[in-house]
Amino acid sequence: MSYKTLTVNTINKVCTMKFNRPNKLNAFDTQMVLETQDALNQIAEDTGIKALIITGEGKGFSAGADLSDSSGIDDLSNDRLVYEGLVNGYKPSLLQIMNMPKPVIGAINGAAAGIGSAFALACDLVVMSDKAYIKQAFVNIALIPDGGLNWLLARTVGYRLAYEMAIEGNNVSANRCLELGLANKVVPHDDLINASAEWAESLAKKSSQSLRETKRVMRMAMTNDYESVFEQEAEANNELHGSKDSLEAIQAFFEKREPNFD
């Protein structure tokens, strides 16, 4: 995969997608929006990729939408263009991150602001550099959080803290994100990529079908009742029981070795 605004490479079954507009702090212009959609679609469909890391080139993860891109989806000259840009431009990529059948790790190397923070928080797992932060900058330009951030934040930190973040627009440090459950790990800045790659490679060695179904049911649990989730768990395990991966895991357990999943 070759793009102007992204770099994408795969090593040891782990794909790393890097936002690559460092002179703009990886802000999204029209081309980056479209290339991100295309890259994520291809990554989701590639069965040789077992895990995905999303990060940014340079000092920032993503500063959000490029407000200087007057010809793109953030152009305000059309009274429906903002809505269409969000729904048709960003939503497909964010849903792809949340729904693709493999774990997605956000390696947050710097500022994740605006829609950039939505991409960070849409990931299944988040590793942050100790220099990184998230920021809901929308209030500073007389807008509200978008990209599903109201949903993502409220379900993670609760209404009051989410509302405070939205109306204050302050930087939320990596360590504070860890305290609030917005991040899984905080690591020294220079260790970010290696730490994220090591985690992704360890996940890539696990059963793809187990990772897929765990993600699917866990995501479903965010919006469903206990009984529905219980039944989905039972359905998933009924399907997975006796599968090739399950049999390999059981055999490896009795042979006192690590399982070897395809």
C-alpha atoms as a PDB file:
ATOM      1  CA  MET A   1       0.000   0.000   0.000  1.00  0.00           C
ATOM      2  CA  SER A   2       1.437   3.334  -1.093  1.00  0.00           C
ATOM      3  CA  TYR A   3      -0.020   6.662   0.010  1.00  0.00           C
ATOM      4  CA  LYS A   4       0.946  10.316   0.129  1.00  0.00           C
ATOM      5  CA  THR A   5      -0.389  11.038   3.630  1.00  0.00           C
ATOM      6  CA  LEU A   6       0.206   7.652   5.291  1.00  0.00           C
ATOM      7  CA  THR A   7       2.936   5.074   5.614  1.00  0.00           C
ATOM      8  CA  VAL A   8       1.853   1.460   5.965  1.00  0.00           C
ATOM      9  CA  ASN A   9       4.100  -1.525   6.569  1.00  0.00           C
ATOM     10  CA  THR A  10       3.736  -5.022   7.984  1.00  0.00           C
ATOM     11  CA  ILE A  11       6.323  -6.949  10.022  1.00  0.00           C
ATOM     12  CA  ASN A  12       5.709 -10.221  11.892  1.00  0.00           C
ATOM     13  CA  LYS A  13       1.984 -10.108  11.031  1.00  0.00           C
ATOM     14  CA  VAL A  14       1.674  -6.664  12.644  1.00  0.00           C
ATOM     15  CA  CYS A  15       0.721  -3.741  10.428  1.00  0.00           C
ATOM     16  CA  THR A  16       1.712  -0.206  11.391  1.00  0.00           C
ATOM     17  CA  MET A  17      -0.273   2.631   9.837  1.00  0.00           C
ATOM     18  CA  LYS A  18       1.326   6.002  10.426  1.00  0.00           C
ATOM     19  CA  PHE A  19      -0.286   9.370   9.741  1.00  0.00           C
ATOM     20  CA  ASN A  20       2.316  11.198   7.667  1.00  0.00           C
ATOM     21  CA  ARG A  21       1.713  14.937   7.487  1.00  0.00           C
ATOM     22  CA  PRO A  22       4.197  15.950  10.197  1.00  0.00           C
ATOM     23  CA  ASN A  23       4.426  19.560   8.992  1.00  0.00           C
ATOM     24  CA  LYS A  24       0.712  19.839   9.823  1.00  0.00           C
ATOM     25  CA  LEU A  25       0.899  17.742  13.011  1.00  0.00           C
ATOM     26  CA  ASN A  26      -0.840  15.034  10.957  1.00  0.00           C
ATOM     27  CA  ALA A  27      -4.039  17.034  10.588  1.00  0.00           C
ATOM     28  CA  PHE A  28      -6.563  15.469   8.236  1.00  0.00           C
ATOM     29  CA  ASP A  29      -6.972  17.013   4.805  1.00  0.00           C
ATOM     30  CA  THR A  30      -9.259  15.514   2.173  1.00  0.00           C
ATOM     31  CA  GLN A  31      -6.585  13.217   0.802  1.00  0.00           C
ATOM     32  CA  MET A  32      -5.663  11.862   4.222  1.00  0.00           C
ATOM     33  CA  VAL A  33      -9.325  11.213   5.030  1.00  0.00           C
ATOM     34  CA  LEU A  34      -9.755   9.178   1.846  1.00  0.00           C
ATOM     35  CA  GLU A  35      -6.418   7.379   2.104  1.00  0.00           C
ATOM     36  CA  THR A  36      -7.149   6.412   5.707  1.00  0.00           C
ATOM     37  CA  GLN A  37     -10.443   4.875   4.614  1.00  0.00           C
ATOM     38  CA  ASP A  38      -8.727   2.885   1.875  1.00  0.00           C
ATOM     39  CA  ALA A  39      -5.852   1.699   4.052  1.00  0.00           C
ATOM     40  CA  LEU A  40      -8.100   0.550   6.890  1.00  0.00           C
ATOM     41  CA  ASN A  41     -10.371  -1.334   4.493  1.00  0.00           C
ATOM     42  CA  GLN A  42      -7.402  -3.199   3.030  1.00  0.00           C
ATOM     43  CA  ILE A  43      -5.907  -3.928   6.448  1.00  0.00           C
ATOM     44  CA  ALA A  44      -9.226  -5.270   7.735  1.00  0.00           C
ATOM     45  CA  GLU A  45      -9.521  -7.654   4.785  1.00  0.00           C
ATOM     46  CA  ASP A  46      -5.911  -8.891   4.875  1.00  0.00           C
ATOM     47  CA  THR A  47      -5.959 -12.193   6.774  1.00  0.00           C
ATOM     48  CA  GLY A  48      -2.167 -12.138   6.974  1.00  0.00           C
ATOM     49  CA  ILE A  49      -2.356  -9.134   9.301  1.00  0.00           C
ATOM     50  CA  LYS A  50      -3.120 -10.163  12.875  1.00  0.00           C
ATOM     51  CA  ALA A  51      -2.877  -6.792  14.628  1.00  0.00           C
ATOM     52  CA  LEU A  52      -2.741  -3.107  13.706  1.00  0.00           C
ATOM     53  CA  ILE A  53      -0.844  -0.208  15.249  1.00  0.00           C
ATOM     54  CA  ILE A  54      -1.920   3.351  14.449  1.00  0.00           C
ATOM     55  CA  THR A  55       0.528   6.153  15.204  1.00  0.00           C
ATOM     56  CA  GLY A  56       1.759   9.475  13.848  1.00  0.00           C
ATOM     57  CA  GLU A  57       4.939  10.730  12.212  1.00  0.00           C
ATOM     58  CA  GLY A  58       6.814  13.491  13.988  1.00  0.00           C
ATOM     59  CA  LYS A  59       5.695  15.342  17.102  1.00  0.00           C
ATOM     60  CA  GLY A  60       1.958  14.712  16.943  1.00  0.00           C
ATOM     61  CA  PHE A  61      -0.460  11.814  16.625  1.00  0.00           C
ATOM     62  CA  SER A  62      -3.021  14.016  14.865  1.00  0.00           C
ATOM     63  CA  ALA A  63      -4.068  17.608  15.433  1.00  0.00           C
ATOM     64  CA  GLY A  64      -7.531  16.832  14.054  1.00  0.00           C
ATOM     65  CA  ALA A  65      -9.066  18.336  10.933  1.00  0.00           C
ATOM     66  CA  ASP A  66      -6.911  20.600   8.786  1.00  0.00           C
ATOM     67  CA  LEU A  67      -8.915  23.818   8.951  1.00  0.00           C
ATOM     68  CA  SER A  68      -6.759  25.320   6.200  1.00  0.00           C
ATOM     69  CA  ASP A  69      -8.018  22.706   3.722  1.00  0.00           C
ATOM     70  CA  SER A  70     -10.725  24.961   2.298  1.00  0.00           C
ATOM     71  CA  SER A  71     -11.279  22.713  -0.721  1.00  0.00           C
ATOM     72  CA  GLY A  72     -11.930  19.624   1.378  1.00  0.00           C
ATOM     73  CA  ILE A  73     -14.600  18.115   3.534  1.00  0.00           C
ATOM     74  CA  ASP A  74     -14.167  20.775   6.213  1.00  0.00           C
ATOM     75  CA  ASP A  75     -15.036  23.595   3.787  1.00  0.00           C
ATOM     76  CA  LEU A  76     -17.898  25.576   5.321  1.00  0.00           C
ATOM     77  CA  SER A  77     -19.181  27.008   2.015  1.00  0.00           C
ATOM     78  CA  ASN A  78     -21.825  24.256   1.752  1.00  0.00           C
ATOM     79  CA  ASP A  79     -24.316  24.198   4.615  1.00  0.00           C
ATOM     80  CA  ARG A  80     -24.368  20.363   4.608  1.00  0.00           C
ATOM     81  CA  LEU A  81     -20.717  19.746   3.837  1.00  0.00           C
ATOM     82  CA  VAL A  82     -19.621  19.487   7.461  1.00  0.00           C
ATOM     83  CA  TYR A  83     -22.258  16.845   8.185  1.00  0.00           C
ATOM     84  CA  GLU A  84     -21.451  14.963   4.988  1.00  0.00           C
ATOM     85  CA  GLY A  85     -17.731  15.227   5.641  1.00  0.00           C
ATOM     86  CA  LEU A  86     -18.049  13.739   9.106  1.00  0.00           C
ATOM     87  CA  VAL A  87     -20.500  10.995   8.175  1.00  0.00           C
ATOM     88  CA  ASN A  88     -18.983  10.065   4.814  1.00  0.00           C
ATOM     89  CA  GLY A  89     -15.373  10.984   5.521  1.00  0.00           C
ATOM     90  CA  TYR A  90     -14.477  10.094   9.104  1.00  0.00           C
ATOM     91  CA  LYS A  91     -17.218   7.734  10.240  1.00  0.00           C
ATOM     92  CA  PRO A  92     -16.262   4.835   7.894  1.00  0.00           C
ATOM     93  CA  SER A  93     -12.679   4.832   9.181  1.00  0.00           C
ATOM     94  CA  LEU A  94     -13.628   5.083  12.843  1.00  0.00           C
ATOM     95  CA  LEU A  95     -16.175   2.287  12.494  1.00  0.00           C
ATOM     96  CA  GLN A  96     -13.602   0.190  10.657  1.00  0.00           C
ATOM     97  CA  ILE A  97     -11.182   0.574  13.571  1.00  0.00           C
ATOM     98  CA  MET A  98     -13.877  -0.397  16.058  1.00  0.00           C
ATOM     99  CA  ASN A  99     -15.264  -3.293  14.020  1.00  0.00           C
ATOM    100  CA  MET A 100     -12.313  -4.834  12.192  1.00  0.00           C
ATOM    101  CA  PRO A 101     -11.767  -8.445  13.330  1.00  0.00           C
ATOM    102  CA  LYS A 102      -8.327  -7.850  14.841  1.00  0.00           C
ATOM    103  CA  PRO A 103      -6.933  -5.783  17.710  1.00  0.00           C
ATOM    104  CA  VAL A 104      -6.032  -2.167  16.983  1.00  0.00           C
ATOM    105  CA  ILE A 105      -3.450  -0.456  19.185  1.00  0.00           C
ATOM    106  CA  GLY A 106      -3.226   3.317  19.212  1.00  0.00           C
ATOM    107  CA  ALA A 107       0.399   4.344  19.801  1.00  0.00           C
ATOM    108  CA  ILE A 108      -0.098   7.973  20.765  1.00  0.00           C
ATOM    109  CA  ASN A 109       3.186   9.763  20.166  1.00  0.00           C
ATOM    110  CA  GLY A 110       2.085  13.342  20.811  1.00  0.00           C
ATOM    111  CA  ALA A 111      -0.959  15.571  20.629  1.00  0.00           C
ATOM    112  CA  ALA A 112      -4.228  13.819  19.768  1.00  0.00           C
ATOM    113  CA  ALA A 113      -6.652  16.688  19.331  1.00  0.00           C
ATOM    114  CA  GLY A 114     -10.146  17.017  17.915  1.00  0.00           C
ATOM    115  CA  ILE A 115     -10.975  14.260  15.461  1.00  0.00           C
ATOM    116  CA  GLY A 116      -7.430  12.998  16.076  1.00  0.00           C
ATOM    117  CA  SER A 117      -8.455  12.111  19.622  1.00  0.00           C
ATOM    118  CA  ALA A 118     -11.431  10.201  18.209  1.00  0.00           C
ATOM    119  CA  PHE A 119      -9.023   8.037  16.214  1.00  0.00           C
ATOM    120  CA  ALA A 120      -6.971   7.446  19.359  1.00  0.00           C
ATOM    121  CA  LEU A 121      -9.944   6.523  21.538  1.00  0.00           C
ATOM    122  CA  ALA A 122     -11.604   4.363  18.883  1.00  0.00           C
ATOM    123  CA  CYS A 123      -8.666   1.950  19.136  1.00  0.00           C
ATOM    124  CA  ASP A 124      -9.109  -1.196  21.196  1.00  0.00           C
ATOM    125  CA  LEU A 125      -5.953  -0.548  23.191  1.00  0.00           C
ATOM    126  CA  VAL A 126      -4.039   2.684  23.770  1.00  0.00           C
ATOM    127  CA  VAL A 127      -0.345   3.114  24.563  1.00  0.00           C
ATOM    128  CA  MET A 128       0.710   6.711  25.178  1.00  0.00           C
ATOM    129  CA  SER A 129       4.085   8.378  25.177  1.00  0.00           C
ATOM    130  CA  ASP A 130       4.740  10.228  28.408  1.00  0.00           C
ATOM    131  CA  LYS A 131       4.846  13.354  26.243  1.00  0.00           C
ATOM    132  CA  ALA A 132       1.447  12.731  24.648  1.00  0.00           C
ATOM    133  CA  TYR A 133      -1.922  14.200  25.512  1.00  0.00           C
ATOM    134  CA  ILE A 134      -5.473  14.334  24.230  1.00  0.00           C
ATOM    135  CA  LYS A 135      -7.408  17.538  23.756  1.00  0.00           C
ATOM    136  CA  GLN A 136     -11.016  18.362  22.960  1.00  0.00           C
ATOM    137  CA  ALA A 137     -10.298  21.629  21.171  1.00  0.00           C
ATOM    138  CA  PHE A 138     -13.747  22.041  19.626  1.00  0.00           C
ATOM    139  CA  VAL A 139     -14.994  24.601  22.153  1.00  0.00           C
ATOM    140  CA  ASN A 140     -12.126  26.896  21.136  1.00  0.00           C
ATOM    141  CA  ILE A 141     -13.560  27.133  17.612  1.00  0.00           C
ATOM    142  CA  ALA A 142     -17.201  27.277  18.771  1.00  0.00           C
ATOM    143  CA  LEU A 143     -17.993  23.653  17.891  1.00  0.00           C
ATOM    144  CA  ILE A 144     -18.784  20.492  19.850  1.00  0.00           C
ATOM    145  CA  PRO A 145     -16.840  17.210  20.004  1.00  0.00           C
ATOM    146  CA  ASP A 146     -17.497  15.018  16.984  1.00  0.00           C
ATOM    147  CA  GLY A 147     -16.207  11.770  15.550  1.00  0.00           C
ATOM    148  CA  GLY A 148     -18.274   9.953  18.166  1.00  0.00           C
ATOM    149  CA  LEU A 149     -16.274  11.527  20.984  1.00  0.00           C
ATOM    150  CA  ASN A 150     -19.343  12.254  23.115  1.00  0.00           C
ATOM    151  CA  TRP A 151     -20.093   8.510  23.032  1.00  0.00           C
ATOM    152  CA  LEU A 152     -16.479   7.410  23.537  1.00  0.00           C
ATOM    153  CA  LEU A 153     -15.729   9.783  26.394  1.00  0.00           C
ATOM    154  CA  ALA A 154     -19.016   9.449  28.281  1.00  0.00           C
ATOM    155  CA  ARG A 155     -18.809   5.654  28.254  1.00  0.00           C
ATOM    156  CA  THR A 156     -15.231   5.674  29.498  1.00  0.00           C
ATOM    157  CA  VAL A 157     -15.022   8.455  32.069  1.00  0.00           C
ATOM    158  CA  GLY A 158     -18.698   9.206  32.743  1.00  0.00           C
ATOM    159  CA  TYR A 159     -20.825  12.235  31.941  1.00  0.00           C
ATOM    160  CA  ARG A 160     -19.314  14.832  34.267  1.00  0.00           C
ATOM    161  CA  LEU A 161     -15.671  14.345  33.336  1.00  0.00           C
ATOM    162  CA  ALA A 162     -16.543  13.971  29.650  1.00  0.00           C
ATOM    163  CA  TYR A 163     -18.549  17.200  29.765  1.00  0.00           C
ATOM    164  CA  GLU A 164     -15.727  18.983  31.575  1.00  0.00           C
ATOM    165  CA  MET A 165     -13.223  17.883  28.924  1.00  0.00           C
ATOM    166  CA  ALA A 166     -15.544  19.106  26.184  1.00  0.00           C
ATOM    167  CA  ILE A 167     -16.252  22.568  27.596  1.00  0.00           C
ATOM    168  CA  GLU A 168     -12.780  23.295  28.997  1.00  0.00           C
ATOM    169  CA  GLY A 169     -10.739  22.089  26.019  1.00  0.00           C
ATOM    170  CA  ASN A 170      -7.675  21.494  28.177  1.00  0.00           C
ATOM    171  CA  ASN A 171      -4.810  19.107  27.523  1.00  0.00           C
ATOM    172  CA  VAL A 172      -5.311  15.765  29.275  1.00  0.00           C
ATOM    173  CA  SER A 173      -1.882  14.313  29.989  1.00  0.00           C
ATOM    174  CA  ALA A 174      -0.892  10.735  29.321  1.00  0.00           C
ATOM    175  CA  ASN A 175      -0.761   9.919  33.024  1.00  0.00           C
ATOM    176  CA  ARG A 176      -4.196  11.442  33.576  1.00  0.00           C
ATOM    177  CA  CYS A 177      -5.510   9.406  30.632  1.00  0.00           C
ATOM    178  CA  LEU A 178      -4.123   6.303  32.320  1.00  0.00           C
ATOM    179  CA  GLU A 179      -5.876   7.198  35.582  1.00  0.00           C
ATOM    180  CA  LEU A 180      -9.180   7.726  33.766  1.00  0.00           C
ATOM    181  CA  GLY A 181      -9.024   4.524  31.732  1.00  0.00           C
ATOM    182  CA  LEU A 182      -8.486   6.342  28.429  1.00  0.00           C
ATOM    183  CA  ALA A 183      -5.090   4.651  28.065  1.00  0.00           C
ATOM    184  CA  ASN A 184      -3.811   1.183  28.911  1.00  0.00           C
ATOM    185  CA  LYS A 185      -0.140   2.068  29.265  1.00  0.00           C
ATOM    186  CA  VAL A 186       2.148   5.084  29.448  1.00  0.00           C
ATOM    187  CA  VAL A 187       5.747   4.546  28.379  1.00  0.00           C
ATOM    188  CA  PRO A 188       8.829   6.738  27.912  1.00  0.00           C
ATOM    189  CA  HIS A 189       8.555   8.579  24.611  1.00  0.00           C
ATOM    190  CA  ASP A 190      11.513   6.822  22.994  1.00  0.00           C
ATOM    191  CA  ASP A 191      10.077   3.400  23.915  1.00  0.00           C
ATOM    192  CA  LEU A 192       6.616   3.965  22.423  1.00  0.00           C
ATOM    193  CA  ILE A 193       6.984   2.192  19.089  1.00  0.00           C
ATOM    194  CA  ASN A 194       8.929  -0.768  20.476  1.00  0.00           C
ATOM    195  CA  ALA A 195       6.516  -1.213  23.381  1.00  0.00           C
ATOM    196  CA  SER A 196       3.521  -1.064  21.054  1.00  0.00           C
ATOM    197  CA  ALA A 197       5.111  -3.467  18.569  1.00  0.00           C
ATOM    198  CA  GLU A 198       5.979  -5.963  21.304  1.00  0.00           C
ATOM    199  CA  TRP A 199       2.407  -5.908  22.570  1.00  0.00           C
ATOM    200  CA  ALA A 200       0.988  -6.264  19.057  1.00  0.00           C
ATOM    201  CA  GLU A 201       3.338  -9.145  18.224  1.00  0.00           C
ATOM    202  CA  SER A 202       2.321 -10.971  21.395  1.00  0.00           C
ATOM    203  CA  LEU A 203      -1.338 -10.583  20.390  1.00  0.00           C
ATOM    204  CA  ALA A 204      -0.562 -11.742  16.849  1.00  0.00           C
ATOM    205  CA  LYS A 205       0.528 -15.095  18.287  1.00  0.00           C
ATOM    206  CA  LYS A 206      -2.876 -15.676  19.858  1.00  0.00           C
ATOM    207  CA  SER A 207      -5.880 -17.281  18.180  1.00  0.00           C
ATOM    208  CA  SER A 208      -7.256 -14.913  15.538  1.00  0.00           C
ATOM    209  CA  GLN A 209     -10.750 -16.322  15.954  1.00  0.00           C
ATOM    210  CA  SER A 210     -10.675 -15.808  19.713  1.00  0.00           C
ATOM    211  CA  LEU A 211      -9.440 -12.230  19.300  1.00  0.00           C
ATOM    212  CA  ARG A 212     -12.098 -11.581  16.658  1.00  0.00           C
ATOM    213  CA  GLU A 213     -14.997 -12.887  18.721  1.00  0.00           C
ATOM    214  CA  THR A 214     -13.789 -11.295  21.951  1.00  0.00           C
ATOM    215  CA  LYS A 215     -13.665  -7.907  20.246  1.00  0.00           C
ATOM    216  CA  ARG A 216     -17.042  -8.371  18.589  1.00  0.00           C
ATOM    217  CA  VAL A 217     -18.841  -9.351  21.780  1.00  0.00           C
ATOM    218  CA  MET A 218     -17.007  -6.815  23.955  1.00  0.00           C
ATOM    219  CA  ARG A 219     -17.919  -4.009  21.566  1.00  0.00           C
ATOM    220  CA  MET A 220     -21.511  -5.237  21.534  1.00  0.00           C
ATOM    221  CA  ALA A 221     -21.504  -5.239  25.336  1.00  0.00           C
ATOM    222  CA  MET A 222     -21.001  -1.464  25.285  1.00  0.00           C
ATOM    223  CA  THR A 223     -24.581  -0.940  24.132  1.00  0.00           C
ATOM    224  CA  ASN A 224     -26.486  -4.126  25.019  1.00  0.00           C
ATOM    225  CA  ASP A 225     -28.064  -5.616  28.123  1.00  0.00           C
ATOM    226  CA  TYR A 226     -26.600  -8.400  30.255  1.00  0.00           C
ATOM    227  CA  GLU A 227     -28.859 -11.143  28.927  1.00  0.00           C
ATOM    228  CA  SER A 228     -28.098 -10.343  25.285  1.00  0.00           C
ATOM    229  CA  VAL A 229     -24.368 -10.294  25.943  1.00  0.00           C
ATOM    230  CA  PHE A 230     -24.546 -13.563  27.893  1.00  0.00           C
ATOM    231  CA  GLU A 231     -26.262 -15.231  24.950  1.00  0.00           C
ATOM    232  CA  GLN A 232     -23.745 -13.838  22.460  1.00  0.00           C
ATOM    233  CA  GLU A 233     -20.895 -15.187  24.600  1.00  0.00           C
ATOM    234  CA  ALA A 234     -22.539 -18.595  24.615  1.00  0.00           C
ATOM    235  CA  GLU A 235     -23.071 -18.516  20.845  1.00  0.00           C
ATOM    236  CA  ALA A 236     -19.456 -17.528  20.236  1.00  0.00           C
ATOM    237  CA  ASN A 237     -18.024 -20.244  22.462  1.00  0.00           C
ATOM    238  CA  ASN A 238     -20.378 -22.786  20.957  1.00  0.00           C
ATOM    239  CA  GLU A 239     -18.946 -21.892  17.538  1.00  0.00           C
ATOM    240  CA  LEU A 240     -15.323 -21.793  18.695  1.00  0.00           C
ATOM    241  CA  HIS A 241     -15.448 -25.002  20.740  1.00  0.00           C
ATOM    242  CA  GLY A 242     -13.893 -27.823  18.768  1.00  0.00           C
ATOM    243  CA  SER A 243     -12.387 -25.477  16.180  1.00  0.00           C
ATOM    244  CA  LYS A 244      -8.877 -25.967  14.852  1.00  0.00           C
ATOM    245  CA  ASP A 245      -7.528 -23.244  17.132  1.00  0.00           C
ATOM    246  CA  SER A 246      -9.333 -24.618  20.164  1.00  0.00           C
ATOM    247  CA  LEU A 247      -8.034 -28.138  19.572  1.00  0.00           C
ATOM    248  CA  GLU A 248      -4.496 -26.811  19.065  1.00  0.00           C
ATOM    249  CA  ALA A 249      -4.691 -24.841  22.323  1.00  0.00           C
ATOM    250  CA  ILE A 250      -5.869 -27.886  24.279  1.00  0.00           C
ATOM    251  CA  GLN A 251      -3.191 -30.099  22.764  1.00  0.00           C
ATOM    252  CA  ALA A 252      -0.504 -27.505  23.498  1.00  0.00           C
ATOM    253  CA  PHE A 253      -1.691 -27.297  27.113  1.00  0.00           C
ATOM    254  CA  PHE A 254      -1.249 -31.041  27.647  1.00  0.00           C
ATOM    255  CA  GLU A 255       2.072 -31.045  25.795  1.00  0.00           C
ATOM    256  CA  LYS A 256       3.280 -28.136  27.955  1.00  0.00           C
ATOM    257  CA  ARG A 257       4.161 -25.900  24.986  1.00  0.00           C
ATOM    258  CA  GLU A 258       2.959 -22.678  23.430  1.00  0.00           C
ATOM    259  CA  PRO A 259       0.117 -23.146  20.921  1.00  0.00           C
ATOM    260  CA  ASN A 260       0.892 -22.543  17.273  1.00  0.00           C
ATOM    261  CA  PHE A 261      -2.022 -20.775  15.605  1.00  0.00           C
ATOM    262  CA  ASP A 262      -2.097 -20.117  11.857  1.00  0.00           C
END
